[in-house]
Amino acid sequence: MSARTFSSGIFGLALLLLSGAGSLEAQDVEKLAERYGTPLPQAYWTEVSRDSRAFHFQREGSERLLHIQTFRGGRFPDLVLRQGEVVRSLGPRDVPLVGIFRFPLVLGLYADGPTETPFTAEVVQREFFDGPNSYVQTLPELYREMSGGRVDLRGETFPWIRTELERSQVTLGASGLVSSPDQGVAAFVEAIVRRLDAEGVDWSRFDNTGDGFVDVLAVMHPGAGAECGARENVWSHRWNLRSASQGRLDPGIPTSTPNPRGGGVIHVNDYIIQPVLACGEEGAINRIGVFAHELGHGFGLPDLYGTRGAPVRGAGRWDLMASGTWGCQGEDPARPCHMGAWSKAMLGWVDVVDVAPGEVLGEVSLPPVQTSGRVLRVTARDGSGEYLLLENRQRLGSDANLWEPGLLIWHVDPVTVDPAWPRNEVNNDPSRLGVWLRQADGRNELAGAGPSLGDPGDPFPGCIKDDYFDYFRASVPCARTNTEFHFASEPAAWTHRGEPFGVALTGIRLRGSAPHDVVFDLSARVEPEVALDRLVDHFLRPGEPSPLTARQREFLDRNGNRDGRYDVGDLRRFLMDHSGSGR
């Protein structure tokens, strides 16, 4: 095996905290509506139909990540994105995304808002950045943990700024989800930025990509979010000021800070907005979960659930960029779930070790990804470019509340990912997810819109129960586990071309005391391991059930005479191909 890491660059993030929104998911406006059961105002749908880039950053997704990487001098050897070509999605890389990320956190108020703020700037700084956090952890602590110590977030909170805009002039009767050339959220953000600019803020500190823009400006206010049911407040979202101001602020707000890397001045354009208060808890400060998710977008990662109304759970609670925002079991946004193997690999935060084609490794012991930073990759042998990422997730750190520890098997399809990433639609097609968690129980619930956002039956070997709702009944024991993943198992290791992946994992088990290593036998041979006596017994016992599974018979016929059934011609071909193989 050869160890290879994924590379990326460094970006700077600027945050702006305002007065009157909800827990932040920026472009994930519809996800918040689903989470809290609050109907979206009609103005949102009107805005989206008017402008397809509404509630997006000016530069997003893989384009954003590529921009960061290009500035930092790294390279994406496999990021070709040429039309018609199959490439491995954004990898492998040479240099991981590492370093110090400095960003300002600015607090804003409405003209007709309370004279007292719920929390001082010092408290906000402590809760989100410096610590100790009154719940679990700060944003820097979470990102240090997820990145394996590669990233150091340093936020700087500025004092509250009161604008001359009343709340109604910001929300415009539509929870702030509508563009306006002279009012709305864009005007609110502009008022705060210009006041801070007049006070001498050096915005160049927050342009770490050298393009003359503050990378992201976040907005927080002292109310609750409209998504929480307070519809007279601002609904949390992300957007760019150019679009939100209907082009008036183009290419953003010009500041008085000279651009040290070229002519002109630093501009502010991309922003995120969220409240300082948590949903449903009067007077409680917000948690870090949705904030952490938005930082992932700031790094260029896409959402890993179905967007634009697609009925797909995607990665569920197993990834911060899906529903892990609210914790591994969905009840604790103060302890969001880690990013999954693919998200971390895209940022270079895990060492991806390739299993060579045809390699038979025998017993493999995979330590927890949270402590080892190690993930295995097996590439399909059919030329599709699809690959598997294997990670051992244990109950460690922010993953302490995982449904069940064990081996997560991610099936990545670059044919889907590469064109869908810029549109933020990576997991929109339930029949062909870009980043697909192969769930050990075989139910594939995350590819649909059912109640499951993850359960103990997802990892291998898992704790599989016969009914999803039994997972919430402690008295119901596990019905079974799943210790195998190969072309004949369920779920099965097949590519979207309908070919076996060319990998077999057997004897999957947890070893030792918690946190466990995951142990399994691993073979990356093209052909399956099929005992010769079973091949022959199929014909010697015609009145009995076949000793071969349906998947095995299908494979043998596909590699034989392709007449739709396993017969003597297929056996003859198999024996010819494997003569002298010792099997």
Foldseek 3Di string as FASTA:
>chain_A
DDWFFAAFAEAAAAAEAEAFAAQAQALCLVVLCVVQVPDADPQLVVLCVVPVQFSHFPAFFPRLRVLRRVLRPWDQPFQPLDPPDFTQPRDDTHHFYADEHEYEYHYEYEPPDDPDFLDWQVLVCAQAPVDDHPPAHHLQVQVCLQLVNRYGYHYHYDGYYYFHHHLCQACVLRLLSAAAQCTHPLVRVLRRVAVVLVVPDQQLSQGPSLPQERLEYEYEHRDHHVSLVVVSGHYWHKGWSCVRNVNNQVVAAFGPHARPNDGGHRGYIIYTYHYQAHRPDPSHGHACLSVSLVVLRSSNFFQQAAPPPQFFQGLFLQASSGQLSCPQVNPRNNLGHHHDPVSSSSNRSATEAEDDAQDFPFKDWAAACSNHSYWYKYFFPPPQSKIKIKHFHFCDGSNVPHQATAIWIWIAGSVQCSVCRSVSRQLRQLVDHRIQTQFFLLPSPRSGNDPDSDHQRGHPQGQDDPDPCCRVVPVGGRPGGGFKEWQQDRVYQADPVRATRQKIWGRWDFDDDPVTITMTGIGRYRDDDDDPVLLVVCVVCVPDDRPDGPSNQVNLCVQFVVPPGRDPRSVVSVCVVCPPVPD
